[in-house]
Amino acid sequence: MRPILFQIGRVPILSYGFSLAMAFVLCTILGMREARKRDIDPDKVIDLALYLCISGIIGARLLFILLDIPTYFRDPIQIINLRDGGLTYHGGFFAALLVGIVFCRRSKISGWVMADIIAPLVAFGYAIVRIGCFLNGCCFGLPTGVPWALACRAGDPTLRHPAQLYASLASLVIFIVLYAVKDRKRFPGYLMFLYVGLYSISRFVVEIFRDVPRLIGPFSIAQLASVLFAFGAFACICILSSETVEEPSPIEQR
C-alpha cells in the first residue's frame, strides 16, 4: 500500500486525499461541460460541487461515528482523524442529496435535470476515490487465496481480496452504463434512480468480500441498506416509466 502518494518538500500528499481531490476536479469539469449543453450556468455547477463535496464528507463521517459511538466517546479526538478512512458512503450520499435539493431550489434550477447531470459523475468519482482507499489500505477485503490476492494493510502480510478495486471497477462499469443511456432516459431523474439501483446491487456484491462486521447472519448493515435502496430505486423506475412525464426546463420558473 502507499498511503503517502508523494511529498512536496516535507509536505506529504496522502493518497486518499489526492484521489478525492482528483475526483472533485474531474467531475466538476465534466459537470460544467454537461451543464452548458442544458443551458445551465457552469458557475452553478462549481458552487454545487463545493457544497456537495463538503456536505458529503461531513455526512459520511457523521454516520460512521454514529455506527460506532462508544469508540468515539472513549476517545473523542478520533472524530477528526480521517487518515485511516472512517467515512460511510451512504451517509455522504444522502447528506449531499439534501444539500443538492436545497441548492437547486434556491438557485431555481430543476433538481431532476441536475440529478441526471450528476448521477454518472458520482459513479465516476466513486471509482477514483476507491483507488485512493486501495492505496491508503482501508476498506480492505477478507483473507483469501485467490491468485490476485494482495496484502491490503500496512504491516500485515495477510493476503486479502482487493475489495477496493472491486468497488472501483464496478462503479466504472456503472458510469459507462449511465453515460451510454444518458440521452435515452425515460423520465427526468431516471439516471439518478438507475444509479442508486445499480450502485446498491454492486455494493451488496462487493460487501461479500469486505472485512466488515456482519449485522444479521452473513449480511452487513450496508448490504441490508442496499437491498432497501435497490428495491426503492427500481420500483420508482417502474412506476415513473409507466407514466407520461414532461421534461422540465433546466431553469425552474416561480
C-alpha atoms as a PDB file:
ATOM      1  CA  MET A   1       0.000   0.000   0.000  1.00  0.00           C
ATOM      2  CA  ARG A   2       1.028   3.617  -0.443  1.00  0.00           C
ATOM      3  CA  PRO A   3      -0.867   5.886   1.986  1.00  0.00           C
ATOM      4  CA  ILE A   4       1.547   8.735   1.207  1.00  0.00           C
ATOM      5  CA  LEU A   5       1.497   9.110  -2.557  1.00  0.00           C
ATOM      6  CA  PHE A   6       4.398  11.562  -2.766  1.00  0.00           C
ATOM      7  CA  GLN A   7       5.881  14.534  -0.973  1.00  0.00           C
ATOM      8  CA  ILE A   8       6.302  18.178  -1.881  1.00  0.00           C
ATOM      9  CA  GLY A   9       9.278  19.178   0.196  1.00  0.00           C
ATOM     10  CA  ARG A  10       8.348  17.984   3.659  1.00  0.00           C
ATOM     11  CA  VAL A  11       4.619  18.061   2.994  1.00  0.00           C
ATOM     12  CA  PRO A  12       3.163  14.562   2.471  1.00  0.00           C
ATOM     13  CA  ILE A  13       0.420  14.214  -0.126  1.00  0.00           C
ATOM     14  CA  LEU A  14      -1.929  11.487   1.094  1.00  0.00           C
ATOM     15  CA  SER A  15      -3.254   9.019  -1.467  1.00  0.00           C
ATOM     16  CA  TYR A  16      -6.839   9.204  -0.251  1.00  0.00           C
ATOM     17  CA  GLY A  17      -6.892  12.996  -0.172  1.00  0.00           C
ATOM     18  CA  PHE A  18      -5.289  13.189  -3.596  1.00  0.00           C
ATOM     19  CA  SER A  19      -7.824  10.788  -5.111  1.00  0.00           C
ATOM     20  CA  LEU A  20     -10.668  12.766  -3.531  1.00  0.00           C
ATOM     21  CA  ALA A  21      -9.274  15.997  -4.977  1.00  0.00           C
ATOM     22  CA  MET A  22      -8.847  14.421  -8.417  1.00  0.00           C
ATOM     23  CA  ALA A  23     -12.411  13.099  -8.352  1.00  0.00           C
ATOM     24  CA  PHE A  24     -13.713  16.535  -7.381  1.00  0.00           C
ATOM     25  CA  VAL A  25     -11.815  18.365 -10.129  1.00  0.00           C
ATOM     26  CA  LEU A  26     -12.556  15.922 -12.943  1.00  0.00           C
ATOM     27  CA  CYS A  27     -16.228  15.525 -12.058  1.00  0.00           C
ATOM     28  CA  THR A  28     -16.682  19.286 -11.763  1.00  0.00           C
ATOM     29  CA  ILE A  29     -15.161  19.830 -15.213  1.00  0.00           C
ATOM     30  CA  LEU A  30     -17.374  17.153 -16.752  1.00  0.00           C
ATOM     31  CA  GLY A  31     -20.397  18.555 -14.929  1.00  0.00           C
ATOM     32  CA  MET A  32     -19.749  22.044 -16.276  1.00  0.00           C
ATOM     33  CA  ARG A  33     -19.486  20.656 -19.786  1.00  0.00           C
ATOM     34  CA  GLU A  34     -22.812  18.845 -19.462  1.00  0.00           C
ATOM     35  CA  ALA A  35     -24.471  21.889 -17.865  1.00  0.00           C
ATOM     36  CA  ARG A  36     -23.602  24.059 -20.875  1.00  0.00           C
ATOM     37  CA  LYS A  37     -25.441  21.602 -23.119  1.00  0.00           C
ATOM     38  CA  ARG A  38     -28.542  22.097 -20.974  1.00  0.00           C
ATOM     39  CA  ASP A  39     -28.305  25.905 -20.786  1.00  0.00           C
ATOM     40  CA  ILE A  40     -27.311  25.873 -17.112  1.00  0.00           C
ATOM     41  CA  ASP A  41     -24.743  28.374 -15.868  1.00  0.00           C
ATOM     42  CA  PRO A  42     -21.480  26.381 -15.366  1.00  0.00           C
ATOM     43  CA  ASP A  43     -20.680  28.551 -12.340  1.00  0.00           C
ATOM     44  CA  LYS A  44     -23.698  26.992 -10.644  1.00  0.00           C
ATOM     45  CA  VAL A  45     -22.085  23.596 -11.101  1.00  0.00           C
ATOM     46  CA  ILE A  46     -18.888  24.796  -9.426  1.00  0.00           C
ATOM     47  CA  ASP A  47     -20.858  26.160  -6.466  1.00  0.00           C
ATOM     48  CA  LEU A  48     -22.913  22.979  -6.206  1.00  0.00           C
ATOM     49  CA  ALA A  49     -19.807  20.792  -6.431  1.00  0.00           C
ATOM     50  CA  LEU A  50     -18.245  22.592  -3.464  1.00  0.00           C
ATOM     51  CA  TYR A  51     -21.392  22.215  -1.374  1.00  0.00           C
ATOM     52  CA  LEU A  52     -21.752  18.548  -2.289  1.00  0.00           C
ATOM     53  CA  CYS A  53     -18.125  17.774  -1.508  1.00  0.00           C
ATOM     54  CA  ILE A  54     -18.205  19.423   1.908  1.00  0.00           C
ATOM     55  CA  SER A  55     -21.607  18.074   2.910  1.00  0.00           C
ATOM     56  CA  GLY A  56     -20.715  14.625   1.595  1.00  0.00           C
ATOM     57  CA  ILE A  57     -17.585  14.378   3.741  1.00  0.00           C
ATOM     58  CA  ILE A  58     -19.421  15.657   6.815  1.00  0.00           C
ATOM     59  CA  GLY A  59     -22.355  13.296   6.303  1.00  0.00           C
ATOM     60  CA  ALA A  60     -20.078  10.320   5.637  1.00  0.00           C
ATOM     61  CA  ARG A  61     -18.120  10.997   8.809  1.00  0.00           C
ATOM     62  CA  LEU A  62     -21.191  11.592  10.975  1.00  0.00           C
ATOM     63  CA  LEU A  63     -22.806   8.306  10.011  1.00  0.00           C
ATOM     64  CA  PHE A  64     -19.544   6.439  10.569  1.00  0.00           C
ATOM     65  CA  ILE A  65     -19.334   7.907  14.076  1.00  0.00           C
ATOM     66  CA  LEU A  66     -22.989   7.140  14.828  1.00  0.00           C
ATOM     67  CA  LEU A  67     -22.415   3.494  13.912  1.00  0.00           C
ATOM     68  CA  ASP A  68     -19.606   3.237  16.469  1.00  0.00           C
ATOM     69  CA  ILE A  69     -20.472   5.824  19.131  1.00  0.00           C
ATOM     70  CA  PRO A  70     -18.855   4.005  22.124  1.00  0.00           C
ATOM     71  CA  THR A  71     -15.420   4.149  20.467  1.00  0.00           C
ATOM     72  CA  TYR A  72     -15.633   7.907  19.961  1.00  0.00           C
ATOM     73  CA  PHE A  73     -16.962   8.518  23.459  1.00  0.00           C
ATOM     74  CA  ARG A  74     -13.820   6.845  24.801  1.00  0.00           C
ATOM     75  CA  ASP A  75     -11.510   8.817  22.519  1.00  0.00           C
ATOM     76  CA  PRO A  76     -13.256  11.944  21.129  1.00  0.00           C
ATOM     77  CA  ILE A  77     -10.121  13.207  19.391  1.00  0.00           C
ATOM     78  CA  GLN A  78     -10.524  10.349  16.896  1.00  0.00           C
ATOM     79  CA  ILE A  79     -13.590  12.116  15.497  1.00  0.00           C
ATOM     80  CA  ILE A  80     -11.336  14.296  13.358  1.00  0.00           C
ATOM     81  CA  ASN A  81      -8.887  11.526  12.445  1.00  0.00           C
ATOM     82  CA  LEU A  82      -9.518  10.610   8.827  1.00  0.00           C
ATOM     83  CA  ARG A  83      -6.125   9.176   7.945  1.00  0.00           C
ATOM     84  CA  ASP A  84      -7.354   5.603   8.334  1.00  0.00           C
ATOM     85  CA  GLY A  85     -10.624   6.098   6.491  1.00  0.00           C
ATOM     86  CA  GLY A  86     -13.726   6.369   8.629  1.00  0.00           C
ATOM     87  CA  LEU A  87     -16.296   7.528   6.081  1.00  0.00           C
ATOM     88  CA  THR A  88     -19.539   5.815   5.099  1.00  0.00           C
ATOM     89  CA  TYR A  89     -20.744   6.312   1.556  1.00  0.00           C
ATOM     90  CA  HIS A  90     -24.451   6.161   2.372  1.00  0.00           C
ATOM     91  CA  GLY A  91     -24.113   8.961   4.913  1.00  0.00           C
ATOM     92  CA  GLY A  92     -22.210  11.124   2.464  1.00  0.00           C
ATOM     93  CA  PHE A  93     -24.601  10.437  -0.391  1.00  0.00           C
ATOM     94  CA  PHE A  94     -27.742  11.400   1.479  1.00  0.00           C
ATOM     95  CA  ALA A  95     -26.185  14.449   3.126  1.00  0.00           C
ATOM     96  CA  ALA A  96     -25.092  15.646  -0.325  1.00  0.00           C
ATOM     97  CA  LEU A  97     -28.531  14.810  -1.729  1.00  0.00           C
ATOM     98  CA  LEU A  98     -30.297  17.014   0.824  1.00  0.00           C
ATOM     99  CA  VAL A  99     -27.885  19.880   0.259  1.00  0.00           C
ATOM    100  CA  GLY A 100     -28.261  19.483  -3.506  1.00  0.00           C
ATOM    101  CA  ILE A 101     -32.051  19.717  -3.277  1.00  0.00           C
ATOM    102  CA  VAL A 102     -31.847  22.906  -1.220  1.00  0.00           C
ATOM    103  CA  PHE A 103     -29.263  24.415  -3.584  1.00  0.00           C
ATOM    104  CA  CYS A 104     -31.337  23.688  -6.694  1.00  0.00           C
ATOM    105  CA  ARG A 105     -34.465  25.192  -5.158  1.00  0.00           C
ATOM    106  CA  ARG A 106     -32.664  28.356  -4.110  1.00  0.00           C
ATOM    107  CA  SER A 107     -30.941  28.640  -7.492  1.00  0.00           C
ATOM    108  CA  LYS A 108     -34.206  27.952  -9.375  1.00  0.00           C
ATOM    109  CA  ILE A 109     -32.638  25.020 -11.210  1.00  0.00           C
ATOM    110  CA  SER A 110     -34.578  21.840 -11.886  1.00  0.00           C
ATOM    111  CA  GLY A 111     -33.421  19.273  -9.353  1.00  0.00           C
ATOM    112  CA  TRP A 112     -34.329  16.446 -11.727  1.00  0.00           C
ATOM    113  CA  VAL A 113     -32.227  17.864 -14.543  1.00  0.00           C
ATOM    114  CA  MET A 114     -29.289  18.390 -12.198  1.00  0.00           C
ATOM    115  CA  ALA A 115     -29.694  14.878 -10.803  1.00  0.00           C
ATOM    116  CA  ASP A 116     -29.357  13.453 -14.322  1.00  0.00           C
ATOM    117  CA  ILE A 117     -26.190  15.502 -14.836  1.00  0.00           C
ATOM    118  CA  ILE A 118     -24.678  14.424 -11.541  1.00  0.00           C
ATOM    119  CA  ALA A 119     -25.538  10.705 -11.485  1.00  0.00           C
ATOM    120  CA  PRO A 120     -22.865   9.456 -13.949  1.00  0.00           C
ATOM    121  CA  LEU A 121     -20.303  11.748 -12.315  1.00  0.00           C
ATOM    122  CA  VAL A 122     -20.996  10.308  -8.870  1.00  0.00           C
ATOM    123  CA  ALA A 123     -20.183   6.863 -10.255  1.00  0.00           C
ATOM    124  CA  PHE A 124     -17.012   8.143 -11.931  1.00  0.00           C
ATOM    125  CA  GLY A 125     -15.848   9.992  -8.824  1.00  0.00           C
ATOM    126  CA  TYR A 126     -16.560   6.981  -6.621  1.00  0.00           C
ATOM    127  CA  ALA A 127     -14.376   4.806  -8.865  1.00  0.00           C
ATOM    128  CA  ILE A 128     -11.476   7.234  -8.434  1.00  0.00           C
ATOM    129  CA  VAL A 129     -11.876   7.560  -4.663  1.00  0.00           C
ATOM    130  CA  ARG A 130     -11.930   3.788  -4.180  1.00  0.00           C
ATOM    131  CA  ILE A 131      -8.483   3.642  -5.775  1.00  0.00           C
ATOM    132  CA  GLY A 132      -7.457   6.075  -3.047  1.00  0.00           C
ATOM    133  CA  CYS A 133      -8.888   3.638  -0.492  1.00  0.00           C
ATOM    134  CA  PHE A 134      -6.790   0.871  -2.010  1.00  0.00           C
ATOM    135  CA  LEU A 135      -3.601   2.917  -1.799  1.00  0.00           C
ATOM    136  CA  ASN A 136      -4.464   4.036   1.721  1.00  0.00           C
ATOM    137  CA  GLY A 137      -5.027   0.462   2.897  1.00  0.00           C
ATOM    138  CA  CYS A 138      -8.557   0.984   4.201  1.00  0.00           C
ATOM    139  CA  CYS A 139     -11.826  -0.741   3.210  1.00  0.00           C
ATOM    140  CA  PHE A 140      -9.863  -3.952   2.711  1.00  0.00           C
ATOM    141  CA  GLY A 141     -11.278  -7.390   1.954  1.00  0.00           C
ATOM    142  CA  LEU A 142     -11.394 -10.748   3.655  1.00  0.00           C
ATOM    143  CA  PRO A 143      -8.370 -13.079   3.709  1.00  0.00           C
ATOM    144  CA  THR A 144      -8.272 -15.240   0.594  1.00  0.00           C
ATOM    145  CA  GLY A 145      -6.070 -17.469  -1.513  1.00  0.00           C
ATOM    146  CA  VAL A 146      -7.201 -16.258  -4.945  1.00  0.00           C
ATOM    147  CA  PRO A 147      -4.339 -15.556  -7.390  1.00  0.00           C
ATOM    148  CA  TRP A 148      -4.966 -11.793  -7.330  1.00  0.00           C
ATOM    149  CA  ALA A 149      -4.997 -11.510  -3.527  1.00  0.00           C
ATOM    150  CA  LEU A 150      -2.920  -8.688  -2.080  1.00  0.00           C
ATOM    151  CA  ALA A 151      -1.603  -7.550   1.281  1.00  0.00           C
ATOM    152  CA  CYS A 152      -4.012  -4.673   1.844  1.00  0.00           C
ATOM    153  CA  ARG A 153      -2.952  -3.486   5.307  1.00  0.00           C
ATOM    154  CA  ALA A 154       0.305  -1.850   6.333  1.00  0.00           C
ATOM    155  CA  GLY A 155       2.383  -4.225   8.443  1.00  0.00           C
ATOM    156  CA  ASP A 156       0.016  -7.139   7.793  1.00  0.00           C
ATOM    157  CA  PRO A 157       1.247  -9.756   5.273  1.00  0.00           C
ATOM    158  CA  THR A 158      -2.176 -11.466   5.128  1.00  0.00           C
ATOM    159  CA  LEU A 159      -3.357 -11.788   1.543  1.00  0.00           C
ATOM    160  CA  ARG A 160      -6.843 -10.354   1.074  1.00  0.00           C
ATOM    161  CA  HIS A 161      -9.448  -9.600  -1.550  1.00  0.00           C
ATOM    162  CA  PRO A 162      -8.696  -6.156  -3.053  1.00  0.00           C
ATOM    163  CA  ALA A 163     -12.292  -5.169  -2.347  1.00  0.00           C
ATOM    164  CA  GLN A 164     -11.486  -1.520  -3.006  1.00  0.00           C
ATOM    165  CA  LEU A 165     -10.586  -2.367  -6.602  1.00  0.00           C
ATOM    166  CA  TYR A 166     -13.720  -4.479  -6.970  1.00  0.00           C
ATOM    167  CA  ALA A 167     -15.766  -1.447  -5.921  1.00  0.00           C
ATOM    168  CA  SER A 168     -13.819   0.860  -8.223  1.00  0.00           C
ATOM    169  CA  LEU A 169     -14.266  -1.408 -11.237  1.00  0.00           C
ATOM    170  CA  ALA A 170     -17.980  -1.899 -10.534  1.00  0.00           C
ATOM    171  CA  SER A 171     -18.515   1.854 -10.279  1.00  0.00           C
ATOM    172  CA  LEU A 172     -16.620   2.434 -13.511  1.00  0.00           C
ATOM    173  CA  VAL A 173     -18.960  -0.023 -15.250  1.00  0.00           C
ATOM    174  CA  ILE A 174     -21.945   1.851 -13.776  1.00  0.00           C
ATOM    175  CA  PHE A 175     -20.533   5.118 -15.102  1.00  0.00           C
ATOM    176  CA  ILE A 176     -20.223   3.622 -18.597  1.00  0.00           C
ATOM    177  CA  VAL A 177     -23.807   2.321 -18.467  1.00  0.00           C
ATOM    178  CA  LEU A 178     -25.208   5.665 -17.293  1.00  0.00           C
ATOM    179  CA  TYR A 179     -23.223   7.586 -19.866  1.00  0.00           C
ATOM    180  CA  ALA A 180     -24.441   5.245 -22.603  1.00  0.00           C
ATOM    181  CA  VAL A 181     -28.124   5.800 -21.749  1.00  0.00           C
ATOM    182  CA  LYS A 182     -27.985   9.469 -20.714  1.00  0.00           C
ATOM    183  CA  ASP A 183     -29.599  10.639 -23.941  1.00  0.00           C
ATOM    184  CA  ARG A 184     -32.254   7.915 -23.828  1.00  0.00           C
ATOM    185  CA  LYS A 185     -33.542   8.377 -20.299  1.00  0.00           C
ATOM    186  CA  ARG A 186     -37.209   7.553 -19.757  1.00  0.00           C
ATOM    187  CA  PHE A 187     -38.108  10.469 -17.477  1.00  0.00           C
ATOM    188  CA  PRO A 188     -36.384  13.337 -15.617  1.00  0.00           C
ATOM    189  CA  GLY A 189     -34.333  11.910 -12.777  1.00  0.00           C
ATOM    190  CA  TYR A 190     -34.087   8.485 -14.420  1.00  0.00           C
ATOM    191  CA  LEU A 191     -30.286   8.415 -14.337  1.00  0.00           C
ATOM    192  CA  MET A 192     -30.156   9.103 -10.602  1.00  0.00           C
ATOM    193  CA  PHE A 193     -32.675   6.373  -9.807  1.00  0.00           C
ATOM    194  CA  LEU A 194     -30.781   3.990 -12.089  1.00  0.00           C
ATOM    195  CA  TYR A 195     -27.510   4.915 -10.387  1.00  0.00           C
ATOM    196  CA  VAL A 196     -28.910   4.231  -6.926  1.00  0.00           C
ATOM    197  CA  GLY A 197     -30.244   0.867  -8.065  1.00  0.00           C
ATOM    198  CA  LEU A 198     -27.063  -0.248  -9.813  1.00  0.00           C
ATOM    199  CA  TYR A 199     -24.806   1.034  -7.051  1.00  0.00           C
ATOM    200  CA  SER A 200     -26.861  -0.807  -4.446  1.00  0.00           C
ATOM    201  CA  ILE A 201     -26.503  -4.075  -6.340  1.00  0.00           C
ATOM    202  CA  SER A 202     -22.749  -3.608  -6.752  1.00  0.00           C
ATOM    203  CA  ARG A 203     -22.335  -2.633  -3.106  1.00  0.00           C
ATOM    204  CA  PHE A 204     -24.211  -5.729  -1.957  1.00  0.00           C
ATOM    205  CA  VAL A 205     -21.891  -7.934  -4.011  1.00  0.00           C
ATOM    206  CA  VAL A 206     -18.662  -6.166  -3.007  1.00  0.00           C
ATOM    207  CA  GLU A 207     -19.634  -6.366   0.682  1.00  0.00           C
ATOM    208  CA  ILE A 208     -19.457 -10.160   0.411  1.00  0.00           C
ATOM    209  CA  PHE A 209     -15.691  -9.834   0.037  1.00  0.00           C
ATOM    210  CA  ARG A 210     -15.106  -6.989   2.526  1.00  0.00           C
ATOM    211  CA  ASP A 211     -13.850  -7.465   6.062  1.00  0.00           C
ATOM    212  CA  VAL A 212     -16.722  -5.730   7.847  1.00  0.00           C
ATOM    213  CA  PRO A 213     -18.970  -6.555  10.825  1.00  0.00           C
ATOM    214  CA  ARG A 214     -21.999  -8.675   9.965  1.00  0.00           C
ATOM    215  CA  LEU A 215     -25.265  -7.421  11.403  1.00  0.00           C
ATOM    216  CA  ILE A 216     -27.664 -10.291  10.666  1.00  0.00           C
ATOM    217  CA  GLY A 217     -26.130 -13.638   9.777  1.00  0.00           C
ATOM    218  CA  PRO A 218     -23.738 -13.120   6.847  1.00  0.00           C
ATOM    219  CA  PHE A 219     -25.181  -9.707   5.975  1.00  0.00           C
ATOM    220  CA  SER A 220     -23.627  -6.348   6.838  1.00  0.00           C
ATOM    221  CA  ILE A 221     -25.613  -3.204   7.527  1.00  0.00           C
ATOM    222  CA  ALA A 222     -24.557  -1.854   4.124  1.00  0.00           C
ATOM    223  CA  GLN A 223     -25.994  -4.925   2.427  1.00  0.00           C
ATOM    224  CA  LEU A 224     -29.314  -4.573   4.193  1.00  0.00           C
ATOM    225  CA  ALA A 225     -29.427  -0.889   3.252  1.00  0.00           C
ATOM    226  CA  SER A 226     -28.521  -1.778  -0.331  1.00  0.00           C
ATOM    227  CA  VAL A 227     -31.466  -4.164  -0.616  1.00  0.00           C
ATOM    228  CA  LEU A 228     -33.864  -1.430   0.503  1.00  0.00           C
ATOM    229  CA  PHE A 229     -32.365   1.219  -1.771  1.00  0.00           C
ATOM    230  CA  ALA A 230     -32.239  -1.081  -4.802  1.00  0.00           C
ATOM    231  CA  PHE A 231     -35.871  -2.078  -4.314  1.00  0.00           C
ATOM    232  CA  GLY A 232     -36.928   1.552  -3.864  1.00  0.00           C
ATOM    233  CA  ALA A 233     -34.944   2.811  -6.869  1.00  0.00           C
ATOM    234  CA  PHE A 234     -36.159   0.166  -9.311  1.00  0.00           C
ATOM    235  CA  ALA A 235     -39.718   0.466  -8.008  1.00  0.00           C
ATOM    236  CA  CYS A 236     -39.607   4.203  -8.754  1.00  0.00           C
ATOM    237  CA  ILE A 237     -38.232   3.495 -12.239  1.00  0.00           C
ATOM    238  CA  CYS A 238     -41.071   1.064 -12.966  1.00  0.00           C
ATOM    239  CA  ILE A 239     -43.748   3.434 -11.677  1.00  0.00           C
ATOM    240  CA  LEU A 240     -42.419   6.581 -13.348  1.00  0.00           C
ATOM    241  CA  SER A 241     -41.663   4.790 -16.621  1.00  0.00           C
ATOM    242  CA  SER A 242     -45.327   3.865 -16.919  1.00  0.00           C
ATOM    243  CA  GLU A 243     -46.361   7.497 -16.612  1.00  0.00           C
ATOM    244  CA  THR A 244     -46.004  10.292 -19.129  1.00  0.00           C
ATOM    245  CA  VAL A 245     -43.616  12.758 -17.542  1.00  0.00           C
ATOM    246  CA  GLU A 246     -42.818  16.021 -19.268  1.00  0.00           C
ATOM    247  CA  GLU A 247     -39.158  17.044 -19.331  1.00  0.00           C
ATOM    248  CA  PRO A 248     -38.802  20.101 -17.058  1.00  0.00           C
ATOM    249  CA  SER A 249     -36.962  23.220 -18.075  1.00  0.00           C
ATOM    250  CA  PRO A 250     -33.442  23.332 -16.631  1.00  0.00           C
ATOM    251  CA  ILE A 251     -34.282  26.699 -15.055  1.00  0.00           C
ATOM    252  CA  GLU A 252     -37.405  26.473 -12.945  1.00  0.00           C
ATOM    253  CA  GLN A 253     -39.814  29.366 -13.003  1.00  0.00           C
ATOM    254  CA  ARG A 254     -41.613  30.639  -9.914  1.00  0.00           C
END
